Protein backbone atom coordinates (compact mmCIF):
# COMPACT_ATOMS: atom_id res chain seq x y z
CA MET A 1 0.00 0.00 0.00
CA SER A 2 1.08 3.62 -0.57
CA ILE A 3 2.86 5.34 2.31
CA PHE A 4 3.95 8.49 0.47
CA GLU A 5 2.14 10.66 -2.05
CA ASP A 6 5.34 11.26 -4.04
CA ARG A 7 9.07 11.91 -3.59
CA VAL A 8 8.44 15.52 -2.56
CA GLU A 9 6.24 14.53 0.37
CA ALA A 10 8.67 11.76 1.34
CA GLY A 11 11.54 14.24 1.30
CA ARG A 12 9.67 16.75 3.47
CA ARG A 13 8.91 14.08 6.04
CA LEU A 14 12.49 12.84 5.98
CA GLY A 15 13.73 16.40 6.44
CA GLN A 16 11.58 16.76 9.56
CA ARG A 17 13.04 13.54 10.98
CA LEU A 18 16.57 14.83 10.34
CA GLU A 19 15.96 18.23 11.96
CA TYR A 20 18.56 17.43 14.64
CA LEU A 21 21.26 17.84 11.97
CA ARG A 22 20.40 21.50 11.31
CA GLY A 23 23.39 23.76 11.87
CA GLN A 24 25.91 20.93 11.68
CA ASN A 25 28.61 20.68 9.03
CA ILE A 26 26.64 18.48 6.63
CA VAL A 27 26.30 17.90 2.90
CA VAL A 28 23.15 16.23 1.55
CA LEU A 29 23.96 13.83 -1.29
CA GLY A 30 21.18 12.55 -3.54
CA LEU A 31 21.55 9.31 -5.48
CA PRO A 32 20.54 10.06 -9.09
CA ARG A 33 18.06 10.07 -10.37
CA GLY A 34 15.13 9.25 -8.05
CA GLY A 35 16.92 10.12 -4.84
CA VAL A 36 17.56 13.73 -5.87
CA PRO A 37 13.98 15.08 -5.46
CA VAL A 38 13.92 13.52 -1.97
CA ALA A 39 17.36 14.93 -1.16
CA PHE A 40 16.32 18.39 -2.39
CA GLU A 41 13.54 18.54 0.19
CA VAL A 42 15.89 17.32 2.93
CA ALA A 43 18.53 19.92 2.03
CA THR A 44 15.89 22.67 1.95
CA ALA A 45 14.50 21.66 5.34
CA LEU A 46 17.98 21.66 6.90
CA ASP A 47 19.33 24.73 5.05
CA ALA A 48 22.15 22.51 3.86
CA PRO A 49 24.05 22.23 0.56
CA LEU A 50 22.86 19.65 -1.95
CA ASP A 51 24.99 17.57 -4.29
CA VAL A 52 24.79 14.22 -6.02
CA ILE A 53 26.91 11.18 -5.35
CA VAL A 54 27.34 9.36 -8.63
CA VAL A 55 28.42 5.72 -8.53
CA ARG A 56 28.92 3.09 -11.21
CA LYS A 57 28.97 -0.64 -10.67
CA LEU A 58 31.95 -2.61 -11.96
CA GLY A 59 30.42 -5.77 -13.39
CA VAL A 60 32.30 -8.99 -13.99
CA PRO A 61 33.15 -8.99 -17.76
CA PHE A 62 31.35 -12.22 -18.61
CA GLN A 63 28.58 -11.71 -16.00
CA PRO A 64 27.91 -7.92 -15.86
CA GLU A 65 25.07 -8.15 -13.35
CA LEU A 66 27.55 -9.55 -10.77
CA ALA A 67 29.36 -6.64 -9.15
CA MET A 68 33.06 -6.95 -8.46
CA GLY A 69 33.25 -3.38 -7.20
CA ALA A 70 32.17 0.17 -7.85
CA ILE A 71 33.66 3.57 -8.62
CA GLY A 72 32.86 7.16 -7.76
CA GLU A 73 34.20 10.64 -8.39
CA GLY A 74 37.66 11.75 -7.43
CA GLY A 75 39.16 8.39 -8.31
CA ALA A 76 37.24 6.63 -5.54
CA ARG A 77 37.03 2.87 -5.99
CA VAL A 78 35.70 -0.03 -3.97
CA LEU A 79 36.66 -3.60 -4.96
CA ASP A 80 35.25 -6.91 -3.83
CA LYS A 81 38.48 -8.89 -3.83
CA HIS A 82 36.65 -12.09 -2.93
CA ILE A 83 34.53 -11.93 -6.12
CA ILE A 84 37.51 -10.94 -8.26
CA SER A 85 39.52 -13.89 -6.98
CA ARG A 86 36.66 -16.37 -7.13
CA VAL A 87 35.75 -15.69 -10.78
CA GLY A 88 39.34 -15.18 -11.91
CA VAL A 89 39.18 -11.61 -13.26
CA THR A 90 42.60 -10.46 -14.49
CA GLN A 91 44.05 -7.01 -13.84
CA ALA A 92 43.72 -6.19 -17.54
CA GLU A 93 40.03 -7.14 -17.53
CA LEU A 94 39.43 -5.11 -14.37
CA ASP A 95 41.18 -2.08 -15.88
CA ALA A 96 39.13 -2.34 -19.08
CA VAL A 97 35.83 -2.46 -17.18
CA GLU A 98 36.86 0.44 -14.95
CA ASP A 99 37.96 2.58 -17.90
CA ARG A 100 34.60 2.06 -19.62
CA GLU A 101 32.56 2.75 -16.48
CA ARG A 102 34.74 5.71 -15.53
CA ALA A 103 33.98 7.35 -18.87
CA LEU A 104 30.24 6.82 -18.34
CA LEU A 105 30.48 8.17 -14.79
CA GLU A 106 32.26 11.33 -15.91
CA THR A 107 29.64 11.88 -18.60
CA ARG A 108 26.82 11.68 -16.05
CA VAL A 109 28.68 13.95 -13.63
CA ALA A 110 29.24 16.58 -16.35
CA ARG A 111 25.55 16.39 -17.28
CA PHE A 112 24.31 16.80 -13.71
CA ARG A 113 26.70 19.46 -12.48
CA LYS A 114 27.13 21.51 -15.67
CA GLY A 115 30.53 22.74 -14.51
CA ARG A 116 29.76 23.00 -10.77
CA THR A 117 32.51 21.57 -8.61
CA ARG A 118 31.89 18.58 -6.37
CA ALA A 119 31.09 19.41 -2.75
CA ASP A 120 34.11 18.90 -0.52
CA LEU A 121 33.27 16.14 1.97
CA ARG A 122 36.52 16.26 3.94
CA GLY A 123 35.76 16.39 7.66
CA ARG A 124 32.02 16.80 7.07
CA THR A 125 28.95 14.65 7.64
CA ALA A 126 27.63 13.14 4.40
CA VAL A 127 23.87 12.55 4.44
CA ILE A 128 23.21 10.12 1.59
CA VAL A 129 19.59 10.14 0.44
CA ASP A 130 17.67 7.84 -1.90
CA ASP A 131 13.95 7.36 -2.54
CA GLY A 132 14.15 3.92 -0.94
CA ILE A 133 16.25 0.81 -0.54
CA ALA A 134 15.55 -2.70 -1.84
CA THR A 135 18.75 -4.74 -1.76
CA GLY A 136 20.94 -1.92 -0.46
CA SER A 137 23.81 -2.53 -2.90
CA THR A 138 23.88 1.00 -4.35
CA ALA A 139 23.56 2.55 -0.89
CA ARG A 140 26.47 0.48 0.41
CA VAL A 141 28.70 1.59 -2.43
CA ALA A 142 27.68 5.24 -1.99
CA CYS A 143 28.63 5.08 1.69
CA HIS A 144 32.04 3.63 0.83
CA ILE A 145 32.59 6.30 -1.83
CA ALA A 146 31.61 9.15 0.52
CA ARG A 147 34.06 7.89 3.11
CA GLN A 148 36.83 7.61 0.52
CA LEU A 149 36.12 11.21 -0.46
CA GLY A 150 36.87 12.30 3.11
CA ALA A 151 33.51 12.28 4.92
CA ALA A 152 34.08 12.12 8.69
CA ARG A 153 30.64 10.62 9.25
CA VAL A 154 28.14 8.97 6.89
CA ILE A 155 24.39 8.91 7.46
CA LEU A 156 22.10 6.98 5.13
CA ALA A 157 18.57 8.42 5.03
CA VAL A 158 15.66 6.92 3.09
CA PRO A 159 11.87 7.06 3.27
CA VAL A 160 11.29 3.30 2.99
CA ALA A 161 13.23 0.04 3.12
CA PRO A 162 12.83 -3.60 4.25
CA ALA A 163 13.85 -4.10 7.87
CA ASP A 164 16.13 -7.08 7.14
CA THR A 165 18.15 -5.07 4.61
CA LEU A 166 18.63 -2.25 7.11
CA ALA A 167 19.76 -4.72 9.74
CA ASP A 168 22.55 -5.93 7.44
CA LEU A 169 23.93 -2.46 6.65
CA THR A 170 27.28 -1.82 8.30
CA GLU A 171 28.68 0.80 5.92
CA PRO A 172 26.90 3.93 7.28
CA ASP A 173 27.50 5.25 10.80
CA GLU A 174 23.77 5.86 11.14
CA VAL A 175 20.64 4.85 9.23
CA VAL A 176 17.42 6.89 9.25
CA CYS A 177 14.34 5.30 7.67
CA LEU A 178 10.75 6.46 7.99
CA ALA A 179 8.98 3.18 7.19
CA THR A 180 9.88 -0.52 7.19
CA PRO A 181 6.73 -2.26 5.92
CA ARG A 182 6.40 -5.97 6.63
CA GLN A 183 5.48 -6.76 3.06
CA PHE A 184 8.12 -5.06 0.92
CA THR A 185 7.75 -5.73 -2.80
CA ALA A 186 9.54 -2.81 -4.42
CA VAL A 187 10.31 0.80 -3.53
CA GLY A 188 7.77 2.21 -6.01
CA TYR A 189 4.95 0.16 -4.48
CA HIS A 190 4.99 2.46 -1.45
CA TYR A 191 4.49 5.68 -3.46
CA ARG A 192 1.23 6.80 -5.01
CA ASP A 193 3.21 8.73 -7.65
CA PHE A 194 6.54 7.13 -8.55
CA SER A 195 7.02 8.81 -11.91
CA PRO A 196 10.54 8.56 -13.35
CA THR A 197 12.94 11.41 -12.61
CA ASP A 198 14.83 12.57 -15.68
CA ASP A 199 18.25 14.21 -15.99
CA ALA A 200 16.72 17.64 -16.62
CA GLU A 201 14.88 17.54 -13.29
CA VAL A 202 18.07 16.55 -11.47
CA VAL A 203 19.91 19.52 -12.97
CA LEU A 204 17.02 21.88 -12.17
CA LEU A 205 16.96 20.84 -8.52
CA LEU A 206 20.72 21.12 -8.14
CA ASP A 207 20.63 24.60 -9.68
CA ALA A 208 17.82 25.66 -7.35
CA ALA A 209 19.66 24.36 -4.30
CA ALA A 210 22.83 26.21 -5.33
CA LYS A 211 20.88 29.43 -5.80
CA ARG A 212 19.27 28.98 -2.38
CA LEU A 213 22.68 28.87 -0.72
CA HIS A 214 23.91 31.80 -2.81
CA SER A 215 20.84 33.77 -1.81
CA ALA A 216 21.35 32.98 1.86
CA GLN A 217 24.92 34.21 1.59
CA ALA A 218 23.74 37.40 -0.11
CA VAL A 219 21.31 38.03 2.75
CA ALA A 220 24.08 37.41 5.28
CA ASN A 221 26.35 39.83 3.42
CA GLY A 222 23.64 42.47 3.21
CA THR A 223 23.56 42.50 -0.60
CA ALA A 224 20.02 41.11 -0.95
CA VAL A 225 16.95 43.38 -1.20
CA ASP A 226 14.53 42.80 1.69
CA GLU A 227 12.40 45.90 2.22
CA ASP A 228 8.95 47.44 2.41
CA VAL A 229 8.02 49.26 -0.79
CA GLN A 230 5.34 51.58 -2.18
CA ILE A 231 4.07 51.27 -5.74
CA GLU A 232 2.21 54.10 -7.47
CA ALA A 233 -1.04 52.93 -9.09
CA GLY A 234 -2.76 56.01 -10.44
CA ALA A 235 -3.91 57.98 -7.41
CA ALA A 236 -3.39 55.00 -5.13
CA ARG A 237 -0.23 53.91 -3.35
CA LEU A 238 0.03 50.17 -2.93
CA GLN A 239 1.99 48.74 -0.02
CA GLY A 240 4.25 45.74 -0.51
CA HIS A 241 7.31 43.87 0.63
CA LEU A 242 10.03 43.03 -1.88
CA TYR A 243 12.60 40.30 -1.40
CA VAL A 244 15.25 39.75 -4.08
CA PRO A 245 18.08 37.37 -3.11
CA VAL A 246 20.42 38.42 -5.92
CA GLU A 247 20.16 40.84 -8.82
CA GLY A 248 18.18 39.34 -11.69
CA ALA A 249 16.60 36.53 -9.63
CA ALA A 250 13.12 35.50 -10.78
CA VAL A 251 10.37 37.24 -8.80
CA VAL A 252 6.92 35.91 -7.90
CA VAL A 253 4.24 38.57 -7.33
CA PHE A 254 1.51 37.58 -4.86
CA ALA A 255 -2.03 38.59 -5.74
CA HIS A 256 -4.99 38.50 -3.36
CA GLY A 257 -8.36 40.10 -3.77
CA SER A 258 -8.31 41.67 -0.33
CA GLY A 259 -5.64 43.91 1.15
CA SER A 260 -4.25 41.05 3.23
CA SER A 261 -1.69 39.76 0.77
CA ARG A 262 1.27 41.53 2.37
CA HIS A 263 0.48 40.24 5.86
CA SER A 264 -1.36 37.00 5.05
CA PRO A 265 0.26 34.19 7.09
CA ARG A 266 -0.51 31.74 4.31
CA ASN A 267 1.05 33.88 1.61
CA ARG A 268 4.09 34.55 3.78
CA PHE A 269 4.42 30.82 4.42
CA VAL A 270 4.36 30.08 0.68
CA ALA A 271 6.78 32.96 0.05
CA SER A 272 9.25 31.40 2.50
CA PHE A 273 9.21 28.18 0.44
CA LEU A 274 9.98 30.15 -2.71
CA GLN A 275 12.68 32.22 -1.05
CA ARG A 276 14.47 29.13 0.26
CA ALA A 277 14.61 27.91 -3.35
CA GLY A 278 16.36 31.11 -4.47
CA LEU A 279 13.30 32.93 -5.84
CA GLY A 280 12.40 36.54 -5.16
CA THR A 281 8.95 37.57 -3.93
CA LEU A 282 6.76 40.66 -3.97
CA LEU A 283 4.00 40.44 -1.36
CA LEU A 284 1.59 43.12 -2.50
CA ASP A 285 -1.68 44.67 -1.33
CA LEU A 286 -3.67 45.21 -4.52
CA LEU A 287 -6.14 47.47 -2.71
CA THR A 288 -5.64 50.34 -0.30
CA PRO A 289 -7.34 50.10 3.12
CA ALA A 290 -9.92 52.66 1.96
CA GLU A 291 -10.66 50.74 -1.25
CA GLU A 292 -11.11 47.52 0.64
CA LEU A 293 -14.02 49.00 2.58
CA ASN A 294 -16.01 48.73 -0.64
CA ARG A 295 -16.49 44.95 -0.97
CA ALA A 296 -17.18 45.30 -4.68
CA ASN A 297 -13.52 46.19 -5.26
CA VAL A 298 -12.47 42.72 -4.10
CA PHE A 299 -14.36 41.29 -7.10
CA ASP A 300 -13.32 43.98 -9.59
CA ILE A 301 -10.99 41.66 -11.51
CA GLY A 302 -10.11 44.30 -14.10
CA LEU A 303 -8.99 46.71 -11.36
CA LEU A 304 -6.92 44.06 -9.58
CA ALA A 305 -5.34 42.90 -12.85
CA GLY A 306 -4.39 46.46 -13.73
CA ARG A 307 -2.65 46.80 -10.38
CA LEU A 308 -0.72 43.59 -11.06
CA THR A 309 0.37 44.84 -14.46
CA GLY A 310 1.51 48.10 -12.86
CA ALA A 311 3.53 46.21 -10.24
CA THR A 312 5.17 44.15 -12.98
CA GLU A 313 6.14 47.33 -14.84
CA TRP A 314 7.48 48.74 -11.55
CA LEU A 315 9.73 45.68 -11.16
CA ALA A 316 11.04 46.19 -14.70
CA GLY A 317 12.09 49.71 -13.72
CA ARG A 318 14.24 48.67 -10.76
CA PRO A 319 17.91 47.79 -11.33
CA GLU A 320 17.71 44.66 -9.15
CA THR A 321 14.75 43.23 -11.07
CA ALA A 322 15.02 44.76 -14.54
CA ARG A 323 16.21 41.42 -15.95
CA SER A 324 14.07 39.22 -13.70
CA ARG A 325 11.53 36.76 -15.03
CA VAL A 326 8.18 37.31 -13.30
CA GLY A 327 5.52 34.89 -12.14
CA TYR A 328 2.15 35.40 -10.44
CA PHE A 329 0.82 33.55 -7.39
CA GLY A 330 -2.90 34.18 -6.92
CA ALA A 331 -5.28 33.23 -4.12
CA SER A 332 -9.03 33.78 -3.98
CA THR A 333 -10.07 36.46 -6.50
CA GLY A 334 -6.37 37.27 -6.94
CA ALA A 335 -6.09 34.12 -9.07
CA GLY A 336 -8.60 35.54 -11.54
CA ALA A 337 -6.69 38.83 -11.57
CA ALA A 338 -3.38 37.05 -12.16
CA LEU A 339 -4.73 35.20 -15.19
CA TRP A 340 -6.45 38.35 -16.50
CA ALA A 341 -3.15 40.25 -16.28
CA ALA A 342 -1.20 37.36 -17.81
CA ALA A 343 -3.60 37.43 -20.78
CA GLU A 344 -2.86 41.08 -21.60
CA PRO A 345 -1.23 41.61 -25.03
CA GLY A 346 2.53 41.79 -24.60
CA ALA A 347 2.48 40.40 -21.07
CA ARG A 348 5.75 38.58 -20.38
CA ILE A 349 4.73 36.45 -17.43
CA GLY A 350 6.71 33.24 -17.05
CA ALA A 351 4.26 31.22 -14.93
CA VAL A 352 1.04 31.49 -12.92
CA VAL A 353 -0.01 29.50 -9.84
CA SER A 354 -3.45 29.62 -8.24
CA ARG A 355 -4.01 28.31 -4.69
CA GLY A 356 -7.65 27.75 -3.83
CA GLY A 357 -8.34 30.53 -6.28
CA ARG A 358 -11.10 31.65 -8.61
CA PRO A 359 -9.50 31.43 -12.05
CA ASP A 360 -13.00 31.29 -13.52
CA LEU A 361 -13.32 35.01 -12.79
CA ALA A 362 -10.91 35.73 -15.64
CA GLY A 363 -13.73 34.59 -17.94
CA ASP A 364 -13.16 34.81 -21.68
CA ARG A 365 -9.58 35.98 -21.14
CA LEU A 366 -8.53 32.50 -20.04
CA SER A 367 -8.05 31.37 -23.63
CA ALA A 368 -5.54 34.20 -24.18
CA VAL A 369 -3.23 33.19 -21.31
CA ARG A 370 0.13 31.93 -22.56
CA ALA A 371 1.95 31.53 -19.25
CA PRO A 372 2.09 27.91 -17.95
CA THR A 373 -0.57 27.71 -15.25
CA LEU A 374 -0.87 25.49 -12.18
CA LEU A 375 -4.21 25.30 -10.38
CA ILE A 376 -3.96 23.97 -6.79
CA VAL A 377 -7.22 23.09 -5.08
CA GLY A 378 -8.13 21.29 -1.87
CA GLY A 379 -9.82 17.94 -2.39
CA ALA A 380 -12.52 18.89 0.13
CA ASP A 381 -13.16 22.28 -1.50
CA ARG A 382 -15.62 20.76 -3.95
CA GLU A 383 -17.33 23.87 -5.30
CA VAL A 384 -14.04 25.65 -6.03
CA LEU A 385 -12.64 22.43 -7.49
CA GLU A 386 -15.42 22.35 -10.08
CA LEU A 387 -14.84 26.01 -10.93
CA ASN A 388 -11.13 25.28 -11.45
CA ARG A 389 -11.93 22.34 -13.72
CA TRP A 390 -14.17 24.60 -15.77
CA ALA A 391 -11.45 27.25 -15.99
CA GLN A 392 -8.76 24.76 -16.97
CA ALA A 393 -10.89 23.57 -19.87
CA LEU A 394 -10.72 27.10 -21.30
CA LEU A 395 -6.95 27.48 -20.97
CA ARG A 396 -4.86 27.04 -24.11
CA CYS A 397 -1.49 27.26 -22.34
CA PRO A 398 0.36 24.40 -20.62
CA SER A 399 -1.71 23.76 -17.49
CA GLN A 400 -2.10 21.36 -14.62
CA LEU A 401 -4.74 20.87 -11.93
CA SER A 402 -3.27 19.52 -8.67
CA VAL A 403 -5.67 18.39 -5.94
CA VAL A 404 -4.35 18.28 -2.37
CA PRO A 405 -6.22 15.41 -0.67
CA GLY A 406 -8.25 16.36 2.39
CA ALA A 407 -7.60 20.09 2.13
CA THR A 408 -10.40 22.61 2.53
CA HIS A 409 -10.48 26.08 1.01
CA LEU A 410 -7.89 27.68 3.32
CA PHE A 411 -5.55 24.65 3.47
CA GLU A 412 -5.75 24.64 7.27
CA GLU A 413 -5.35 20.87 7.65
CA PRO A 414 -1.91 19.66 8.85
CA GLY A 415 0.59 19.40 6.01
CA THR A 416 -1.76 20.61 3.27
CA LEU A 417 -0.37 24.14 2.98
CA SER A 418 3.17 22.75 2.87
CA GLU A 419 2.14 20.47 0.02
CA ALA A 420 0.57 23.37 -1.87
CA ALA A 421 3.67 25.52 -1.29
CA ALA A 422 5.96 22.77 -2.58
CA LEU A 423 3.82 22.35 -5.69
CA ALA A 424 3.99 26.10 -6.33
CA ARG A 425 7.73 26.22 -5.76
CA ASP A 426 8.40 23.37 -8.18
CA TRP A 427 6.19 24.96 -10.86
CA PHE A 428 7.99 28.30 -10.60
CA LEU A 429 11.40 26.65 -10.60
CA ARG A 430 10.44 24.73 -13.71
CA TYR A 431 9.26 27.73 -15.69
CA LEU A 432 11.10 30.76 -14.25
CA GLN A 433 14.64 29.52 -13.72
CA PRO A 434 17.24 29.53 -16.54
CA GLY A 435 17.22 26.13 -18.21
CA GLY A 436 13.62 25.48 -17.21
CA ASP A 437 10.83 24.76 -19.67
CA GLY A 438 9.98 28.42 -19.94
CA ALA A 439 13.50 29.82 -20.29
CA GLY A 440 13.93 32.26 -23.08
CA ASP A 441 10.24 33.08 -23.50
């Protein structure tokens, strides 16, 4: 039976279990490909650097499925001398296999890191993460490789594994596993969504993690923008809070029909998810306090959309954000306003996300939206769910409807807002970051 919704949820839960490591000298190492989305969530939760640990099995020449050792980066190598002796592999045969596998390993490393240097493990704690363990062979090799690369301590962390396999592991100093089901068939059996992870997603997550650390350093150095702002909108002055980790970082503008967007705990919670991934945010009140007294303004989608367009133009006029790609995050009637604004001729919006929103309020303009759009709705918010399905049918852009099981309109149930925030973050990373699906639009 399913224990985890997907790798993202499994990673968040694993990160919570590993909270005791926060602040320690750790490096989170994902095993490509499926372990990297899990490791990304762990690294985010612990504010730790993320890297991959790439290993290649050395198969016996005439029986490749039988491992006689494994190799990793930096010349690391682990040999099973008993197997080599038993099957009679010569030094020349061993060298030939290693040369071939080393070339394949370096190709994968170059693809994943795109020129980034390998994290230095010397004297640090290596937290090796996969999406699960079956036999444990890859995990064992990864632990050996991490130790050869200088790790002072090795922790193996996985969401799910058979208890007997864990009991046999001696390579890591510590093993952390969330679930050890009695009936273990395969790792994927315990996930509702176990879709394959491709190389592009691995690269995207590594880039996002690197930008998160760079952004944190910029904040520590005082070079990031983190300030209250005022935006002129005709006769009105809109209040907002702008966070830009580094010059040119993508910025997500938050849209809400009421004046609560800047102070909304839910919006601020989602913004923190985006900021930890290296994205900028503009939390913006689309209405002044006086305008909000007239309830009709909350449903004036044209007015709200015009304010969003003005805020986007304001971002284009600032040196820190002049080159930034912009996305919209809309809640309630703000979702309708975000899609209305994104449909304007010449609008250069990279992505739109709606959380429990009313995209239907954009009406006929939905068909003109070109920005990839994610609609997030609570499974228990049935009326709004139907309105979102209706709106999605009118969209002609890349779109997705994600239902968070058990969530009501405000996502107040435990874990549901985190799930919505993670969905939003991944969508914006996919379409706003360089190299993502929307790059160069």
